[in-house]
C-alpha atoms as a PDB file:
ATOM      1  CA  MET A   1     183.474 -27.196 -56.132  1.00  0.00           C
ATOM      2  CA  SER A   2     182.261 -23.524 -56.713  1.00  0.00           C
ATOM      3  CA  VAL A   3     180.880 -24.057 -59.962  1.00  0.00           C
ATOM      4  CA  ARG A   4     179.572 -27.053 -61.036  1.00  0.00           C
ATOM      5  CA  ILE A   5     178.027 -28.097 -64.946  1.00  0.00           C
ATOM      6  CA  ASP A   6     174.886 -30.230 -65.432  1.00  0.00           C
ATOM      7  CA  ARG A   7     174.150 -31.375 -69.189  1.00  0.00           C
ATOM      8  CA  ASP A   8     170.628 -32.165 -70.746  1.00  0.00           C
ATOM      9  CA  GLY A   9     171.323 -32.527 -74.185  1.00  0.00           C
ATOM     10  CA  PRO A  10     171.821 -29.214 -76.114  1.00  0.00           C
ATOM     11  CA  VAL A  11     171.069 -27.438 -72.592  1.00  0.00           C
ATOM     12  CA  THR A  12     174.065 -26.783 -70.356  1.00  0.00           C
ATOM     13  CA  THR A  13     173.071 -25.347 -67.002  1.00  0.00           C
ATOM     14  CA  VAL A  14     176.292 -23.491 -65.049  1.00  0.00           C
ATOM     15  CA  ILE A  15     175.776 -24.058 -61.263  1.00  0.00           C
ATOM     16  CA  LEU A  16     176.771 -21.545 -58.800  1.00  0.00           C
ATOM     17  CA  HIS A  17     177.523 -23.335 -55.583  1.00  0.00           C
ATOM     18  CA  ARG A  18     178.572 -21.359 -52.988  1.00  0.00           C
ATOM     19  CA  PRO A  19     175.363 -21.177 -50.267  1.00  0.00           C
ATOM     20  CA  GLU A  20     177.432 -20.867 -47.258  1.00  0.00           C
ATOM     21  CA  VAL A  21     177.649 -17.043 -48.669  1.00  0.00           C
ATOM     22  CA  ARG A  22     174.685 -16.825 -50.763  1.00  0.00           C
ATOM     23  CA  ASN A  23     176.880 -17.451 -53.660  1.00  0.00           C
ATOM     24  CA  ALA A  24     178.987 -14.468 -53.708  1.00  0.00           C
ATOM     25  CA  VAL A  25     181.609 -14.522 -55.970  1.00  0.00           C
ATOM     26  CA  ASP A  26     185.207 -14.738 -55.114  1.00  0.00           C
ATOM     27  CA  GLY A  27     188.274 -14.506 -57.910  1.00  0.00           C
ATOM     28  CA  GLN A  28     188.541 -17.928 -58.560  1.00  0.00           C
ATOM     29  CA  THR A  29     184.494 -18.368 -58.527  1.00  0.00           C
ATOM     30  CA  ALA A  30     184.755 -15.462 -61.366  1.00  0.00           C
ATOM     31  CA  ALA A  31     187.332 -17.745 -63.332  1.00  0.00           C
ATOM     32  CA  ALA A  32     185.291 -20.692 -63.162  1.00  0.00           C
ATOM     33  CA  LEU A  33     182.593 -19.161 -64.173  1.00  0.00           C
ATOM     34  CA  ALA A  34     184.123 -17.865 -67.119  1.00  0.00           C
ATOM     35  CA  ASP A  35     185.688 -20.854 -68.014  1.00  0.00           C
ATOM     36  CA  ALA A  36     182.472 -22.755 -67.905  1.00  0.00           C
ATOM     37  CA  PHE A  37     181.012 -20.363 -70.389  1.00  0.00           C
ATOM     38  CA  ARG A  38     183.948 -20.470 -72.425  1.00  0.00           C
ATOM     39  CA  ALA A  39     183.585 -24.318 -72.654  1.00  0.00           C
ATOM     40  CA  PHE A  40     179.775 -23.885 -73.638  1.00  0.00           C
ATOM     41  CA  GLU A  41     180.900 -21.458 -76.370  1.00  0.00           C
ATOM     42  CA  ALA A  42     183.302 -23.944 -77.668  1.00  0.00           C
ATOM     43  CA  ASP A  43     180.731 -27.005 -77.508  1.00  0.00           C
ATOM     44  CA  GLU A  44     178.902 -27.528 -80.980  1.00  0.00           C
ATOM     45  CA  THR A  45     176.887 -29.582 -79.219  1.00  0.00           C
ATOM     46  CA  ALA A  46     175.577 -27.415 -77.061  1.00  0.00           C
ATOM     47  CA  SER A  47     172.945 -24.642 -78.027  1.00  0.00           C
ATOM     48  CA  VAL A  48     171.299 -22.645 -74.877  1.00  0.00           C
ATOM     49  CA  ALA A  49     172.669 -22.186 -71.613  1.00  0.00           C
ATOM     50  CA  VAL A  50     171.350 -21.709 -67.807  1.00  0.00           C
ATOM     51  CA  LEU A  51     172.981 -19.667 -65.052  1.00  0.00           C
ATOM     52  CA  TRP A  52     171.131 -20.791 -61.545  1.00  0.00           C
ATOM     53  CA  GLY A  53     172.488 -20.149 -58.209  1.00  0.00           C
ATOM     54  CA  ASP A  54     172.148 -23.157 -55.922  1.00  0.00           C
ATOM     55  CA  GLY A  55     170.974 -23.048 -52.193  1.00  0.00           C
ATOM     56  CA  GLY A  56     168.409 -20.560 -52.649  1.00  0.00           C
ATOM     57  CA  THR A  57     170.250 -17.625 -54.288  1.00  0.00           C
ATOM     58  CA  PHE A  58     170.953 -16.465 -57.551  1.00  0.00           C
ATOM     59  CA  CYS A  59     174.151 -14.342 -56.715  1.00  0.00           C
ATOM     60  CA  SER A  60     174.453 -11.531 -53.997  1.00  0.00           C
ATOM     61  CA  GLY A  61     177.564 -10.083 -55.808  1.00  0.00           C
ATOM     62  CA  ALA A  62     181.074 -10.199 -55.127  1.00  0.00           C
ATOM     63  CA  ASP A  63     182.451 -11.756 -52.231  1.00  0.00           C
ATOM     64  CA  LEU A  64     183.500  -8.817 -49.992  1.00  0.00           C
ATOM     65  CA  HIS A  65     185.240 -10.548 -47.669  1.00  0.00           C
ATOM     66  CA  ALA A  66     187.657 -11.404 -50.259  1.00  0.00           C
ATOM     67  CA  VAL A  67     188.302  -8.285 -51.508  1.00  0.00           C
ATOM     68  CA  GLY A  68     192.401  -7.079 -51.490  1.00  0.00           C
ATOM     69  CA  GLY A  69     193.169 -10.370 -50.382  1.00  0.00           C
ATOM     70  CA  GLU A  70     194.601 -13.738 -52.647  1.00  0.00           C
ATOM     71  CA  ARG A  71     190.629 -14.631 -53.320  1.00  0.00           C
ATOM     72  CA  GLY A  72     190.071 -11.080 -54.396  1.00  0.00           C
ATOM     73  CA  ASN A  73     188.231 -10.364 -57.828  1.00  0.00           C
ATOM     74  CA  ARG A  74     189.935  -9.773 -61.140  1.00  0.00           C
ATOM     75  CA  ILE A  75     190.105  -5.853 -61.034  1.00  0.00           C
ATOM     76  CA  GLU A  76     191.826  -5.106 -64.743  1.00  0.00           C
ATOM     77  CA  PRO A  77     190.641  -3.159 -67.998  1.00  0.00           C
ATOM     78  CA  GLY A  78     191.054  -6.111 -70.137  1.00  0.00           C
ATOM     79  CA  GLY A  79     190.105  -9.785 -70.008  1.00  0.00           C
ATOM     80  CA  ASP A  80     187.537 -11.130 -67.817  1.00  0.00           C
ATOM     81  CA  GLY A  81     185.338  -9.191 -65.673  1.00  0.00           C
ATOM     82  CA  PRO A  82     185.679  -9.239 -61.600  1.00  0.00           C
ATOM     83  CA  MET A  83     182.253 -11.357 -61.797  1.00  0.00           C
ATOM     84  CA  GLY A  84     183.693 -13.606 -64.621  1.00  0.00           C
ATOM     85  CA  PRO A  85     181.922 -13.915 -67.927  1.00  0.00           C
ATOM     86  CA  THR A  86     180.463 -10.529 -67.875  1.00  0.00           C
ATOM     87  CA  ARG A  87     182.663  -8.802 -70.717  1.00  0.00           C
ATOM     88  CA  MET A  88     182.186 -11.716 -72.923  1.00  0.00           C
ATOM     89  CA  ARG A  89     179.731 -12.204 -75.772  1.00  0.00           C
ATOM     90  CA  LEU A  90     178.993 -15.630 -76.753  1.00  0.00           C
ATOM     91  CA  SER A  91     177.094 -16.641 -79.884  1.00  0.00           C
ATOM     92  CA  LYS A  92     174.705 -18.424 -78.216  1.00  0.00           C
ATOM     93  CA  PRO A  93     171.586 -17.525 -75.983  1.00  0.00           C
ATOM     94  CA  VAL A  94     172.070 -17.970 -71.931  1.00  0.00           C
ATOM     95  CA  VAL A  95     168.988 -18.025 -69.730  1.00  0.00           C
ATOM     96  CA  ALA A  96     169.317 -16.728 -66.018  1.00  0.00           C
ATOM     97  CA  ALA A  97     166.952 -18.757 -63.507  1.00  0.00           C
ATOM     98  CA  VAL A  98     166.770 -16.132 -60.490  1.00  0.00           C
ATOM     99  CA  GLU A  99     165.724 -17.586 -57.005  1.00  0.00           C
ATOM    100  CA  GLY A 100     166.318 -15.369 -54.288  1.00  0.00           C
ATOM    101  CA  TYR A 101     168.097 -12.332 -54.495  1.00  0.00           C
ATOM    102  CA  ALA A 102     170.381 -11.180 -57.457  1.00  0.00           C
ATOM    103  CA  VAL A 103     171.863  -8.071 -56.256  1.00  0.00           C
ATOM    104  CA  ALA A 104     174.902  -5.974 -56.818  1.00  0.00           C
ATOM    105  CA  GLY A 105     177.243  -8.150 -59.298  1.00  0.00           C
ATOM    106  CA  GLY A 106     174.850 -10.694 -58.905  1.00  0.00           C
ATOM    107  CA  LEU A 107     172.343  -8.507 -60.665  1.00  0.00           C
ATOM    108  CA  GLU A 108     174.960  -7.612 -63.527  1.00  0.00           C
ATOM    109  CA  LEU A 109     175.418 -11.598 -63.777  1.00  0.00           C
ATOM    110  CA  ALA A 110     171.834 -11.744 -64.691  1.00  0.00           C
ATOM    111  CA  LEU A 111     171.685  -8.854 -66.888  1.00  0.00           C
ATOM    112  CA  TRP A 112     174.222 -10.350 -69.070  1.00  0.00           C
ATOM    113  CA  CYS A 113     172.227 -13.300 -69.958  1.00  0.00           C
ATOM    114  CA  ASP A 114     169.471 -12.852 -72.430  1.00  0.00           C
ATOM    115  CA  LEU A 115     166.435 -13.682 -71.000  1.00  0.00           C
ATOM    116  CA  ARG A 116     165.693 -13.957 -66.997  1.00  0.00           C
ATOM    117  CA  VAL A 117     163.106 -16.130 -65.525  1.00  0.00           C
ATOM    118  CA  ALA A 118     162.140 -15.149 -61.673  1.00  0.00           C
ATOM    119  CA  ALA A 119     160.767 -17.056 -58.861  1.00  0.00           C
ATOM    120  CA  GLU A 120     157.825 -14.590 -56.977  1.00  0.00           C
ATOM    121  CA  ASP A 121     159.925 -14.024 -54.318  1.00  0.00           C
ATOM    122  CA  ALA A 122     163.160 -13.306 -56.189  1.00  0.00           C
ATOM    123  CA  THR A 123     164.701  -9.929 -55.156  1.00  0.00           C
ATOM    124  CA  PHE A 124     166.642  -7.594 -57.566  1.00  0.00           C
ATOM    125  CA  GLY A 125     168.884  -4.465 -56.316  1.00  0.00           C
ATOM    126  CA  VAL A 126     172.226  -2.527 -56.902  1.00  0.00           C
ATOM    127  CA  PHE A 127     172.528  -3.370 -53.107  1.00  0.00           C
ATOM    128  CA  CYS A 128     176.294  -2.647 -53.538  1.00  0.00           C
ATOM    129  CA  ARG A 129     175.092   1.106 -53.440  1.00  0.00           C
ATOM    130  CA  ARG A 130     175.766   0.990 -49.235  1.00  0.00           C
ATOM    131  CA  TRP A 131     178.822   0.208 -49.601  1.00  0.00           C
ATOM    132  CA  GLY A 132     180.149   2.050 -52.159  1.00  0.00           C
ATOM    133  CA  VAL A 133     181.285  -0.771 -54.291  1.00  0.00           C
ATOM    134  CA  PRO A 134     180.578   0.637 -58.085  1.00  0.00           C
ATOM    135  CA  LEU A 135     178.901  -1.598 -61.142  1.00  0.00           C
ATOM    136  CA  ILE A 136     181.902  -2.627 -63.224  1.00  0.00           C
ATOM    137  CA  ASP A 137     180.730  -5.564 -64.778  1.00  0.00           C
ATOM    138  CA  GLY A 138     178.255  -3.792 -67.129  1.00  0.00           C
ATOM    139  CA  GLY A 139     175.455  -2.769 -64.710  1.00  0.00           C
ATOM    140  CA  THR A 140     175.515   0.635 -65.997  1.00  0.00           C
ATOM    141  CA  VAL A 141     175.728   0.031 -69.599  1.00  0.00           C
ATOM    142  CA  ARG A 142     173.325  -3.197 -69.857  1.00  0.00           C
ATOM    143  CA  LEU A 143     170.604  -2.044 -67.146  1.00  0.00           C
ATOM    144  CA  PRO A 144     169.609   0.807 -69.205  1.00  0.00           C
ATOM    145  CA  ARG A 145     169.481  -0.699 -72.214  1.00  0.00           C
ATOM    146  CA  ILE A 146     167.027  -3.226 -70.643  1.00  0.00           C
ATOM    147  CA  ILE A 147     164.752  -1.013 -68.626  1.00  0.00           C
ATOM    148  CA  GLY A 148     165.453   2.456 -70.029  1.00  0.00           C
ATOM    149  CA  THR A 149     167.515   5.182 -68.579  1.00  0.00           C
ATOM    150  CA  GLY A 150     164.968   6.564 -66.176  1.00  0.00           C
ATOM    151  CA  ARG A 151     164.507   3.111 -64.601  1.00  0.00           C
ATOM    152  CA  ALA A 152     167.846   2.311 -64.422  1.00  0.00           C
ATOM    153  CA  LEU A 153     168.895   5.364 -62.523  1.00  0.00           C
ATOM    154  CA  ASP A 154     166.177   4.678 -60.071  1.00  0.00           C
ATOM    155  CA  LEU A 155     167.741   1.365 -59.275  1.00  0.00           C
ATOM    156  CA  ILE A 156     171.412   2.562 -59.374  1.00  0.00           C
ATOM    157  CA  LEU A 157     171.045   5.715 -57.448  1.00  0.00           C
ATOM    158  CA  THR A 158     168.769   4.648 -54.807  1.00  0.00           C
ATOM    159  CA  GLY A 159     170.190   0.813 -54.338  1.00  0.00           C
ATOM    160  CA  ARG A 160     166.371  -0.012 -53.152  1.00  0.00           C
ATOM    161  CA  ALA A 161     165.238  -3.575 -53.748  1.00  0.00           C
ATOM    162  CA  VAL A 162     162.875  -4.534 -56.295  1.00  0.00           C
ATOM    163  CA  SER A 163     160.532  -7.477 -56.184  1.00  0.00           C
ATOM    164  CA  ALA A 164     159.851 -10.136 -58.994  1.00  0.00           C
ATOM    165  CA  ALA A 165     156.444  -8.574 -59.836  1.00  0.00           C
ATOM    166  CA  GLU A 166     157.891  -4.917 -60.142  1.00  0.00           C
ATOM    167  CA  ALA A 167     160.895  -6.356 -62.196  1.00  0.00           C
ATOM    168  CA  LEU A 168     158.531  -8.138 -64.833  1.00  0.00           C
ATOM    169  CA  ARG A 169     156.849  -4.963 -65.015  1.00  0.00           C
ATOM    170  CA  MET A 170     159.619  -3.049 -65.852  1.00  0.00           C
ATOM    171  CA  GLY A 171     160.781  -5.668 -68.524  1.00  0.00           C
ATOM    172  CA  LEU A 172     163.943  -6.694 -66.324  1.00  0.00           C
ATOM    173  CA  VAL A 173     162.785 -10.165 -66.276  1.00  0.00           C
ATOM    174  CA  THR A 174     161.159 -12.294 -68.821  1.00  0.00           C
ATOM    175  CA  THR A 175     158.823 -14.377 -66.812  1.00  0.00           C
ATOM    176  CA  VAL A 176     157.939 -14.761 -63.303  1.00  0.00           C
ATOM    177  CA  VAL A 177     157.189 -18.607 -61.578  1.00  0.00           C
ATOM    178  CA  PRO A 178     156.465 -19.973 -58.630  1.00  0.00           C
ATOM    179  CA  PRO A 179     159.135 -19.937 -56.059  1.00  0.00           C
ATOM    180  CA  GLY A 180     161.461 -23.167 -56.024  1.00  0.00           C
ATOM    181  CA  THR A 181     160.602 -23.885 -59.916  1.00  0.00           C
ATOM    182  CA  ALA A 182     163.048 -20.755 -61.626  1.00  0.00           C
ATOM    183  CA  ARG A 183     165.871 -23.375 -62.750  1.00  0.00           C
ATOM    184  CA  GLU A 184     162.962 -25.777 -64.054  1.00  0.00           C
ATOM    185  CA  ALA A 185     161.186 -23.250 -66.225  1.00  0.00           C
ATOM    186  CA  ALA A 186     164.538 -21.893 -67.373  1.00  0.00           C
ATOM    187  CA  GLU A 187     165.877 -25.364 -68.612  1.00  0.00           C
ATOM    188  CA  GLU A 188     162.276 -25.577 -70.168  1.00  0.00           C
ATOM    189  CA  LEU A 189     162.775 -22.507 -71.970  1.00  0.00           C
ATOM    190  CA  ALA A 190     166.150 -23.002 -72.881  1.00  0.00           C
ATOM    191  CA  ALA A 191     165.172 -26.615 -74.420  1.00  0.00           C
ATOM    192  CA  ARG A 192     162.422 -24.880 -76.470  1.00  0.00           C
ATOM    193  CA  LEU A 193     164.966 -22.389 -77.811  1.00  0.00           C
ATOM    194  CA  ALA A 194     167.565 -25.118 -78.374  1.00  0.00           C
ATOM    195  CA  ALA A 195     164.813 -27.390 -80.682  1.00  0.00           C
ATOM    196  CA  LEU A 196     164.582 -24.261 -83.188  1.00  0.00           C
ATOM    197  CA  PRO A 197     166.665 -23.465 -86.247  1.00  0.00           C
ATOM    198  CA  GLN A 198     169.883 -22.319 -84.700  1.00  0.00           C
ATOM    199  CA  THR A 199     171.500 -20.269 -87.541  1.00  0.00           C
ATOM    200  CA  CYS A 200     168.618 -18.497 -87.847  1.00  0.00           C
ATOM    201  CA  LEU A 201     167.953 -17.613 -84.023  1.00  0.00           C
ATOM    202  CA  ARG A 202     171.621 -17.026 -83.447  1.00  0.00           C
ATOM    203  CA  GLY A 203     172.271 -14.530 -86.382  1.00  0.00           C
ATOM    204  CA  ASP A 204     168.694 -12.604 -85.386  1.00  0.00           C
ATOM    205  CA  ARG A 205     170.161 -12.310 -81.682  1.00  0.00           C
ATOM    206  CA  MET A 206     173.487 -11.307 -83.012  1.00  0.00           C
ATOM    207  CA  SER A 207     171.959  -8.482 -85.183  1.00  0.00           C
ATOM    208  CA  VAL A 208     170.112  -6.737 -82.081  1.00  0.00           C
ATOM    209  CA  LEU A 209     173.349  -7.352 -80.294  1.00  0.00           C
ATOM    210  CA  GLU A 210     175.516  -5.715 -82.812  1.00  0.00           C
ATOM    211  CA  GLN A 211     172.965  -2.903 -83.481  1.00  0.00           C
ATOM    212  CA  GLU A 212     173.591  -0.987 -80.109  1.00  0.00           C
ATOM    213  CA  GLY A 213     175.293   2.441 -81.049  1.00  0.00           C
ATOM    214  CA  LEU A 214     174.910   1.723 -84.823  1.00  0.00           C
ATOM    215  CA  ALA A 215     173.563   4.155 -87.156  1.00  0.00           C
ATOM    216  CA  GLU A 216     170.247   2.934 -88.771  1.00  0.00           C
ATOM    217  CA  GLU A 217     171.819   2.490 -92.175  1.00  0.00           C
ATOM    218  CA  GLU A 218     174.907   0.616 -90.750  1.00  0.00           C
ATOM    219  CA  ALA A 219     172.549  -1.305 -88.453  1.00  0.00           C
ATOM    220  CA  LEU A 220     170.064  -2.594 -91.132  1.00  0.00           C
ATOM    221  CA  ALA A 221     173.154  -3.447 -93.698  1.00  0.00           C
ATOM    222  CA  ALA A 222     174.701  -6.099 -90.401  1.00  0.00           C
ATOM    223  CA  GLU A 223     171.116  -7.088 -89.983  1.00  0.00           C
ATOM    224  CA  PHE A 224     171.241  -8.015 -93.491  1.00  0.00           C
ATOM    225  CA  ARG A 225     174.388  -9.933 -93.751  1.00  0.00           C
ATOM    226  CA  HIS A 226     173.391 -11.824 -90.729  1.00  0.00           C
ATOM    227  CA  GLY A 227     170.046 -12.489 -92.610  1.00  0.00           C
ATOM    228  CA  LEU A 228     171.751 -13.693 -95.900  1.00  0.00           C
ATOM    229  CA  ALA A 229     173.683 -15.974 -93.865  1.00  0.00           C
ATOM    230  CA  THR A 230     170.744 -18.007 -92.536  1.00  0.00           C
ATOM    231  CA  LEU A 231     169.096 -17.936 -95.677  1.00  0.00           C
ATOM    232  CA  ARG A 232     172.053 -19.529 -97.052  1.00  0.00           C
ATOM    233  CA  ALA A 233     172.760 -21.914 -94.361  1.00  0.00           C
ATOM    234  CA  GLU A 234     169.011 -23.250 -93.268  1.00  0.00           C
ATOM    235  CA  ASN A 235     166.180 -21.157 -95.033  1.00  0.00           C
ATOM    236  CA  LEU A 236     165.535 -23.437 -97.494  1.00  0.00           C
ATOM    237  CA  ALA A 237     164.740 -26.353 -95.241  1.00  0.00           C
ATOM    238  CA  GLY A 238     162.480 -24.556 -93.480  1.00  0.00           C
ATOM    239  CA  VAL A 239     160.472 -23.681 -96.210  1.00  0.00           C
ATOM    240  CA  GLU A 240     160.159 -27.080 -97.333  1.00  0.00           C
ATOM    241  CA  ARG A 241     158.997 -28.070 -94.023  1.00  0.00           C
ATOM    242  CA  PHE A 242     156.307 -25.333 -94.291  1.00  0.00           C
ATOM    243  CA  ARG A 243     155.228 -26.356 -97.433  1.00  0.00           C
ATOM    244  CA  ALA A 244     154.560 -29.991 -96.134  1.00  0.00           C
ATOM    245  CA  GLY A 245     152.457 -28.579 -93.632  1.00  0.00           C
ATOM    246  CA  ALA A 246     154.490 -27.958 -90.863  1.00  0.00           C
ATOM    247  CA  GLY A 247     153.110 -25.689 -88.586  1.00  0.00           C
ATOM    248  CA  ARG A 248     149.670 -25.483 -89.383  1.00  0.00           C
ATOM    249  CA  HIS A 249     147.005 -24.933 -86.504  1.00  0.00           C
ATOM    250  CA  GLY A 250     149.328 -24.320 -83.729  1.00  0.00           C
ATOM    251  CA  ALA A 251     151.259 -27.667 -84.161  1.00  0.00           C
END
């Protein structure tokens, strides 16, 4: 089975399991990834997901050995992306847990996630530049939005390797942890997110995602709509907890 699911309360961990090919994604694996995240989205008891690659590699990209054959990745303008979930906009956050290489389409999967936790020895890069394989899973869109156009063009045009330390400096990753601990750290982060008021968290997250390309007035109006929904759904309960003393002295 190329994709496995682990559950720990509100945290769902989606595991890429093709270690023999450094978790390269073929068509069947891409479909399984997309189905796994559709199931996570539909599950009302699941709050945050983690995406992790088994065997010491996050994902080495599309399986080029499968291109053009029956196992090849889906290449269509609509529906799922070639790497699976990369065209989906979920209502709940996903954290990437990166060990080893997150390159080419694997980098695009990591960029699709909301946050990225990387091991100190992780490596990022547009390695598909070497083979004339384009970024078609959101890499040219999400990378400049995360790290800025200049830095994105550096990575996209050169295809060079980027260490975890450099990725942290440029804002590509959220945090760097010791080798072998990325999954644990990502799941701990996911559990912390899952413990927060979810309507507010998801509404603010969606406001950030939706403001891209909007004029300021439209973006502010959208933010207000999300905020109003939160106020109606859970604000008074939070206010009462604060009034009762919760959160004082760092608690």
